[in-house]
Amino acid sequence: MTAVEAPAGARKPVPPPRSRPLNIAAWGGAALTVAVTAAVVTSAVRHLAAGSVIVLAVAAVAAVLMGIPAWKGLRGSAASARALSSGKITDARRDAAASRESSWTALGVAGFCLCVTALVFFLTVSDGVVRETFLRWDLMRTSFAETAKALWYNVLIALVAEALVLVIGLLLALARLAPGRGGRPLRLLAIAYIDLFRGLPAIVVIYLVGFGIPLAGIPVISDAPPVVYAIVALTLTYSAYNAELYRSAIESIHPSQESAALSLGLSRAHTLRYVILPQAVRRIVPPLLGAFVALQKDTALVNVVGIIDAFAQAKIYSANYYNLSSVTIVCLLFVVITIPQTRFVDYLLARGGRKAS
């Protein structure tokens, strides 16, 4: 008597959940982090007697944060194995999923604690020499006022350059998209400009413009202050990048939009002004803001032409005191300025994704 074969359209039985060694990895990561934390705590007890209690308390909290999800992961794995042996497939899968989630949580906490432990070790190594080099509080307090005042040049250059970049970048994009045989010279010029300035480092352009124009003795512009040269150099560089952003956005608009506008009697200029560009600009607002953040960071390069910006002011303090704590102040100031802009870009990207879905 032969066995009855399953019908051709019947579903295959779902295999039972497999046991995975993820919990072992979670315990391994937690154990490694605790071991490294213990080494740092030992160093802290030797060299930082006043703060050793705080370090020990933080290490204990980290151990608890790692231990709780790791224990939940092991307990869920055991519950899944018991349910599987009893034939309760649904309960086994539910417990296995909860076990994996807890194990990943333990791994994430362990990785975070490991990074923090490495940072603490870096700051406390060699009797805190690294901390004294970069985080000396008295020098940070002394240099903060002058450094923050010099940051105004960075903000001014970034704002003016960005306003110019938005306009020139759009003109370059339109020149590169100029239609027909008559627009070929414009396309070639725009492509040559974009390829050239996208290939040159910003600091080289700043150096050439900041020192080349005064040496050339060009009337009127040779007597301009260094801030003007810095704005011109950054505008030349970032206009090329923004032109490509504009071009990609314009080309992303479906040709039917232009055809519909032309069929309604609009000219090409009006079609571009009222139909194409409004849609294109909305699509590239987040990338444009991201480019603005990059431009703002590159304003730290303008000190090569003699502008006493925040970075140049910090270098003066570091040269006088043989310490880099003033440069740390510059880092903090730029971070305070750029992080809110970066989060705003993330918000715009997330909002655009929600609208698209």
Protein backbone atom coordinates (compact mmCIF):
# COMPACT_ATOMS: atom_id res chain seq x y z
CA MET A 1 0.00 0.00 0.00
CA THR A 2 1.55 3.29 -1.07
CA ALA A 3 1.53 6.54 0.92
CA VAL A 4 -0.97 9.17 -0.14
CA GLU A 5 0.78 12.13 -1.76
CA ALA A 6 -0.15 15.69 -0.85
CA PRO A 7 -2.17 17.60 -3.45
CA ALA A 8 -0.16 19.82 -5.79
CA GLY A 9 -1.70 23.06 -4.46
CA ALA A 10 -1.43 22.20 -0.78
CA ARG A 11 0.71 24.38 1.46
CA LYS A 12 3.92 23.01 2.84
CA PRO A 13 4.04 22.71 6.62
CA VAL A 14 5.78 25.66 8.31
CA PRO A 15 9.05 24.49 9.88
CA PRO A 16 9.41 24.96 13.63
CA PRO A 17 11.48 27.89 14.90
CA ARG A 18 15.20 27.29 15.05
CA SER A 19 17.26 28.02 18.09
CA ARG A 20 19.81 30.77 17.46
CA PRO A 21 22.96 31.56 19.49
CA LEU A 22 22.00 35.23 19.72
CA ASN A 23 21.62 35.09 23.50
CA ILE A 24 25.16 33.74 23.86
CA ALA A 25 26.40 36.69 21.80
CA ALA A 26 24.45 39.07 24.04
CA TRP A 27 25.99 37.57 27.17
CA GLY A 28 29.43 37.69 25.54
CA GLY A 29 29.06 41.35 24.68
CA ALA A 30 27.82 42.16 28.17
CA ALA A 31 30.68 40.22 29.78
CA LEU A 32 33.23 41.98 27.57
CA THR A 33 31.83 45.39 28.43
CA VAL A 34 31.78 44.62 32.13
CA ALA A 35 35.40 43.44 31.95
CA VAL A 36 36.57 46.60 30.21
CA THR A 37 34.50 48.73 32.58
CA ALA A 38 36.15 47.01 35.53
CA ALA A 39 39.58 47.84 34.11
CA VAL A 40 38.65 51.50 33.74
CA VAL A 41 37.15 51.58 37.22
CA THR A 42 40.41 50.20 38.60
CA SER A 43 42.32 52.97 36.85
CA ALA A 44 39.84 55.54 38.14
CA VAL A 45 40.23 54.32 41.72
CA ARG A 46 43.99 54.77 41.43
CA HIS A 47 44.08 58.18 39.78
CA LEU A 48 40.69 59.76 40.43
CA ALA A 49 39.93 58.98 44.04
CA ALA A 50 37.35 61.76 44.29
CA GLY A 51 35.34 60.50 41.33
CA SER A 52 35.82 56.77 41.76
CA VAL A 53 32.49 56.35 43.57
CA ILE A 54 30.66 57.96 40.68
CA VAL A 55 32.48 55.73 38.18
CA LEU A 56 31.61 52.64 40.22
CA ALA A 57 27.97 53.69 40.36
CA VAL A 58 27.85 54.26 36.60
CA ALA A 59 29.47 50.85 36.02
CA ALA A 60 26.87 49.20 38.26
CA VAL A 61 24.01 50.88 36.40
CA ALA A 62 25.51 49.79 33.06
CA ALA A 63 25.78 46.19 34.31
CA VAL A 64 22.11 46.23 35.33
CA LEU A 65 21.05 47.73 31.99
CA MET A 66 22.91 44.97 30.17
CA GLY A 67 21.93 42.14 32.50
CA ILE A 68 18.16 42.64 32.50
CA PRO A 69 17.58 42.28 28.71
CA ALA A 70 20.15 39.47 28.52
CA TRP A 71 18.29 37.56 31.25
CA LYS A 72 14.98 38.16 29.49
CA GLY A 73 16.51 36.82 26.29
CA LEU A 74 17.69 33.63 27.94
CA ARG A 75 14.40 33.16 29.74
CA GLY A 76 12.44 33.68 26.50
CA SER A 77 14.69 31.19 24.72
CA ALA A 78 14.04 28.57 27.39
CA ALA A 79 10.29 29.24 27.24
CA SER A 80 10.38 28.87 23.46
CA ALA A 81 12.17 25.53 23.75
CA ARG A 82 9.60 24.25 26.27
CA ALA A 83 6.69 25.35 24.10
CA LEU A 84 8.27 23.72 21.06
CA SER A 85 8.75 20.43 22.87
CA SER A 86 5.08 20.55 23.88
CA GLY A 87 3.98 21.09 20.31
CA LYS A 88 2.78 24.67 20.87
CA ILE A 89 4.21 26.18 17.70
CA THR A 90 2.50 29.56 18.05
CA ASP A 91 3.70 30.07 21.61
CA ALA A 92 7.19 28.93 20.62
CA ARG A 93 7.41 31.48 17.85
CA ARG A 94 6.11 34.25 20.08
CA ASP A 95 8.64 33.47 22.83
CA ALA A 96 11.45 33.16 20.27
CA ALA A 97 10.63 36.58 18.82
CA ALA A 98 10.59 38.13 22.31
CA SER A 99 13.89 36.42 23.10
CA ARG A 100 15.53 37.78 19.97
CA GLU A 101 14.28 41.30 20.72
CA SER A 102 15.66 41.20 24.27
CA SER A 103 18.95 39.77 23.03
CA TRP A 104 19.36 42.53 20.48
CA THR A 105 18.62 45.04 23.23
CA ALA A 106 21.35 43.50 25.37
CA LEU A 107 23.78 43.66 22.45
CA GLY A 108 22.91 47.30 21.78
CA VAL A 109 23.37 48.31 25.41
CA ALA A 110 26.61 46.33 25.58
CA GLY A 111 27.96 48.08 22.48
CA PHE A 112 27.00 51.49 23.85
CA CYS A 113 28.64 50.78 27.20
CA LEU A 114 31.74 49.51 25.43
CA CYS A 115 32.06 52.76 23.46
CA VAL A 116 31.56 54.85 26.60
CA THR A 117 34.10 52.72 28.44
CA ALA A 118 36.64 53.23 25.66
CA LEU A 119 36.05 56.99 25.81
CA VAL A 120 36.52 57.05 29.59
CA PHE A 121 39.70 55.03 29.24
CA PHE A 122 40.97 57.42 26.55
CA LEU A 123 40.36 60.44 28.78
CA THR A 124 41.89 58.92 31.90
CA VAL A 125 44.94 57.23 30.38
CA SER A 126 48.39 58.49 31.40
CA ASP A 127 47.07 60.30 34.49
CA GLY A 128 44.53 62.27 32.46
CA VAL A 129 47.03 63.86 30.05
CA VAL A 130 44.54 63.57 27.18
CA ARG A 131 41.85 65.29 29.22
CA GLU A 132 44.24 68.08 30.17
CA THR A 133 45.20 68.54 26.51
CA PHE A 134 41.70 68.83 25.06
CA LEU A 135 39.40 69.61 28.00
CA ARG A 136 41.22 72.00 30.30
CA TRP A 137 38.37 73.96 31.81
CA ASP A 138 40.23 77.19 32.70
CA LEU A 139 41.54 77.61 29.14
CA MET A 140 38.14 76.79 27.66
CA ARG A 141 36.55 79.43 29.83
CA THR A 142 39.26 81.98 28.95
CA SER A 143 39.04 81.48 25.18
CA PHE A 144 35.26 81.12 24.91
CA ALA A 145 34.34 84.82 24.61
CA GLU A 146 36.87 85.69 21.88
CA THR A 147 36.27 82.48 19.98
CA ALA A 148 32.49 82.92 20.02
CA LYS A 149 32.91 86.52 18.87
CA ALA A 150 35.12 85.41 15.95
CA LEU A 151 32.48 82.84 14.99
CA TRP A 152 30.46 85.74 13.60
CA TYR A 153 32.73 85.77 10.53
CA ASN A 154 31.95 82.11 9.88
CA VAL A 155 28.21 82.73 10.15
CA LEU A 156 28.36 85.85 7.94
CA ILE A 157 30.38 84.12 5.22
CA ALA A 158 28.08 81.09 5.28
CA LEU A 159 24.86 83.11 5.01
CA VAL A 160 26.02 85.39 2.19
CA ALA A 161 27.67 82.56 0.25
CA GLU A 162 24.59 80.36 0.56
CA ALA A 163 22.33 83.12 -0.79
CA LEU A 164 24.61 83.51 -3.81
CA VAL A 165 24.98 79.76 -4.25
CA LEU A 166 21.21 79.22 -4.48
CA VAL A 167 20.93 81.72 -7.33
CA ILE A 168 24.09 80.85 -9.27
CA GLY A 169 23.51 77.12 -8.87
CA LEU A 170 20.04 77.47 -10.40
CA LEU A 171 21.41 79.48 -13.33
CA LEU A 172 24.08 76.85 -13.94
CA ALA A 173 21.48 74.07 -13.88
CA LEU A 174 19.28 75.91 -16.37
CA ALA A 175 22.30 76.54 -18.61
CA ARG A 176 23.19 72.87 -18.53
CA LEU A 177 19.62 71.96 -19.49
CA ALA A 178 19.40 74.55 -22.27
CA PRO A 179 17.51 72.87 -25.14
CA GLY A 180 18.38 72.60 -28.79
CA ARG A 181 21.42 73.30 -30.88
CA GLY A 182 21.48 76.94 -29.82
CA GLY A 183 21.86 75.94 -26.18
CA ARG A 184 24.89 73.74 -26.81
CA PRO A 185 27.50 76.45 -25.99
CA LEU A 186 25.73 77.15 -22.72
CA ARG A 187 25.62 73.45 -21.90
CA LEU A 188 29.33 73.05 -22.60
CA LEU A 189 30.25 76.05 -20.44
CA ALA A 190 28.04 74.87 -17.59
CA ILE A 191 29.45 71.33 -17.74
CA ALA A 192 33.03 72.65 -17.78
CA TYR A 193 32.36 74.91 -14.78
CA ILE A 194 30.61 72.19 -12.76
CA ASP A 195 33.24 69.56 -13.46
CA LEU A 196 36.09 71.95 -12.64
CA PHE A 197 34.87 73.26 -9.31
CA ARG A 198 33.50 69.91 -8.16
CA GLY A 199 36.97 68.49 -8.69
CA LEU A 200 38.88 71.22 -6.84
CA PRO A 201 39.20 71.16 -3.03
CA ALA A 202 37.56 74.15 -1.37
CA ILE A 203 40.75 75.16 0.42
CA VAL A 204 42.63 75.36 -2.91
CA VAL A 205 39.95 77.63 -4.39
CA ILE A 206 40.02 79.84 -1.29
CA TYR A 207 43.82 80.09 -1.50
CA LEU A 208 43.81 80.91 -5.23
CA VAL A 209 41.08 83.53 -4.95
CA GLY A 210 42.30 85.04 -1.66
CA PHE A 211 45.89 85.51 -2.78
CA GLY A 212 45.59 85.42 -6.58
CA ILE A 213 43.22 88.35 -7.06
CA PRO A 214 45.28 90.81 -4.93
CA LEU A 215 48.49 89.70 -6.66
CA ALA A 216 46.92 90.13 -10.09
CA GLY A 217 46.07 93.76 -9.31
CA ILE A 218 42.62 93.59 -10.90
CA PRO A 219 40.94 97.01 -10.57
CA VAL A 220 38.25 97.44 -7.91
CA ILE A 221 38.16 93.83 -6.64
CA SER A 222 41.88 93.69 -5.75
CA ASP A 223 41.26 96.07 -2.84
CA ALA A 224 38.38 94.06 -1.37
CA PRO A 225 38.66 92.71 2.18
CA PRO A 226 39.55 89.02 2.69
CA VAL A 227 35.98 88.23 3.72
CA VAL A 228 34.81 89.03 0.19
CA TYR A 229 37.40 86.66 -1.28
CA ALA A 230 36.28 83.91 1.05
CA ILE A 231 32.64 84.40 0.05
CA VAL A 232 33.56 84.36 -3.64
CA ALA A 233 35.64 81.19 -3.29
CA LEU A 234 32.97 79.26 -1.40
CA THR A 235 30.32 80.49 -3.83
CA LEU A 236 32.34 79.24 -6.80
CA THR A 237 32.80 75.83 -5.18
CA TYR A 238 29.32 75.16 -3.86
CA SER A 239 27.49 76.57 -6.88
CA ALA A 240 28.77 73.57 -8.82
CA TYR A 241 27.33 71.14 -6.25
CA ASN A 242 24.00 72.94 -6.01
CA ALA A 243 23.72 73.06 -9.80
CA GLU A 244 23.73 69.28 -9.90
CA LEU A 245 21.05 69.17 -7.20
CA TYR A 246 18.85 71.53 -9.21
CA ARG A 247 19.47 69.59 -12.43
CA SER A 248 18.56 66.25 -10.89
CA ALA A 249 15.37 67.73 -9.42
CA ILE A 250 14.31 69.33 -12.72
CA GLU A 251 14.96 66.13 -14.64
CA SER A 252 12.92 64.16 -12.09
CA ILE A 253 9.76 66.02 -13.12
CA HIS A 254 7.88 63.88 -15.63
CA PRO A 255 7.91 65.31 -19.19
CA SER A 256 4.13 65.13 -19.27
CA GLN A 257 4.06 68.11 -16.87
CA GLU A 258 5.84 70.30 -19.40
CA SER A 259 3.76 68.94 -22.29
CA ALA A 260 0.51 69.66 -20.45
CA ALA A 261 1.62 73.20 -19.62
CA LEU A 262 2.66 73.92 -23.20
CA SER A 263 -0.62 72.53 -24.52
CA LEU A 264 -2.48 74.99 -22.31
CA GLY A 265 -0.70 77.89 -23.99
CA LEU A 266 2.06 78.61 -21.49
CA SER A 267 5.45 79.59 -22.88
CA ARG A 268 8.56 77.62 -21.98
CA ALA A 269 9.65 80.33 -19.57
CA HIS A 270 6.28 80.37 -17.81
CA THR A 271 6.21 76.57 -17.75
CA LEU A 272 9.59 76.53 -16.06
CA ARG A 273 8.63 79.31 -13.65
CA TYR A 274 5.17 78.15 -12.60
CA VAL A 275 5.17 74.38 -13.18
CA ILE A 276 8.63 72.79 -13.18
CA LEU A 277 10.69 74.81 -10.68
CA PRO A 278 8.15 74.86 -7.81
CA GLN A 279 7.95 71.07 -7.86
CA ALA A 280 11.69 70.63 -8.31
CA VAL A 281 12.66 72.97 -5.48
CA ARG A 282 10.33 71.23 -3.03
CA ARG A 283 12.04 67.92 -3.80
CA ILE A 284 15.55 69.14 -3.07
CA VAL A 285 15.03 71.28 0.02
CA PRO A 286 16.59 68.63 2.32
CA PRO A 287 19.69 68.13 0.10
CA LEU A 288 20.09 71.90 -0.23
CA LEU A 289 20.01 72.29 3.53
CA GLY A 290 22.54 69.47 3.84
CA ALA A 291 24.84 71.29 1.41
CA PHE A 292 24.41 74.44 3.49
CA VAL A 293 25.57 72.57 6.58
CA ALA A 294 28.66 71.41 4.67
CA LEU A 295 29.32 74.97 3.48
CA GLN A 296 29.05 76.26 7.02
CA LYS A 297 31.67 73.76 8.19
CA ASP A 298 34.01 74.69 5.34
CA THR A 299 34.04 78.31 6.53
CA ALA A 300 36.69 77.11 8.99
CA LEU A 301 39.07 77.01 5.99
CA VAL A 302 38.96 80.77 5.39
CA ASN A 303 41.72 81.42 7.93
CA VAL A 304 44.23 80.58 5.19
CA VAL A 305 43.64 84.05 3.69
CA GLY A 306 44.14 85.85 6.99
CA ILE A 307 40.59 86.04 8.35
CA ILE A 308 40.49 85.75 12.14
CA ASP A 309 37.53 83.44 12.35
CA ALA A 310 36.72 81.11 15.23
CA PHE A 311 39.32 78.52 14.22
CA ALA A 312 42.06 81.11 13.73
CA GLN A 313 41.26 82.65 17.12
CA ALA A 314 41.42 79.24 18.74
CA LYS A 315 44.80 78.54 17.12
CA ILE A 316 46.16 81.75 18.65
CA TYR A 317 45.17 80.57 22.13
CA SER A 318 46.52 77.07 21.50
CA ALA A 319 49.85 78.52 20.36
CA ASN A 320 50.11 80.77 23.42
CA TYR A 321 49.21 78.10 26.00
CA TYR A 322 50.45 74.96 24.17
CA ASN A 323 47.02 73.42 24.68
CA LEU A 324 44.13 72.47 22.37
CA SER A 325 41.23 73.20 24.72
CA SER A 326 40.39 76.36 22.75
CA VAL A 327 40.04 74.25 19.59
CA THR A 328 37.59 72.07 21.49
CA ILE A 329 35.50 75.21 22.03
CA VAL A 330 35.41 75.71 18.25
CA CYS A 331 34.21 72.13 17.82
CA LEU A 332 31.44 72.66 20.35
CA LEU A 333 30.33 75.92 18.74
CA PHE A 334 30.11 74.38 15.28
CA VAL A 335 28.26 71.38 16.68
CA VAL A 336 25.74 73.64 18.43
CA ILE A 337 25.10 75.42 15.13
CA THR A 338 25.02 72.46 12.76
CA ILE A 339 23.21 69.76 14.76
CA PRO A 340 19.83 71.60 14.85
CA GLN A 341 20.12 72.12 11.08
CA THR A 342 20.94 68.44 10.57
CA ARG A 343 17.96 67.36 12.64
CA PHE A 344 15.76 69.74 10.64
CA VAL A 345 17.00 68.10 7.42
CA ASP A 346 16.15 64.68 8.88
CA TYR A 347 12.67 65.94 9.75
CA LEU A 348 12.11 67.20 6.21
CA LEU A 349 13.30 63.89 4.75
CA ALA A 350 11.01 61.93 7.06
CA ARG A 351 8.07 64.19 6.24
CA GLY A 352 8.73 63.79 2.53
CA GLY A 353 8.84 60.02 2.95
CA ARG A 354 5.50 60.02 4.77
CA LYS A 355 3.88 62.12 2.04
CA ALA A 356 5.27 59.86 -0.66
CA SER A 357 3.83 56.78 1.06
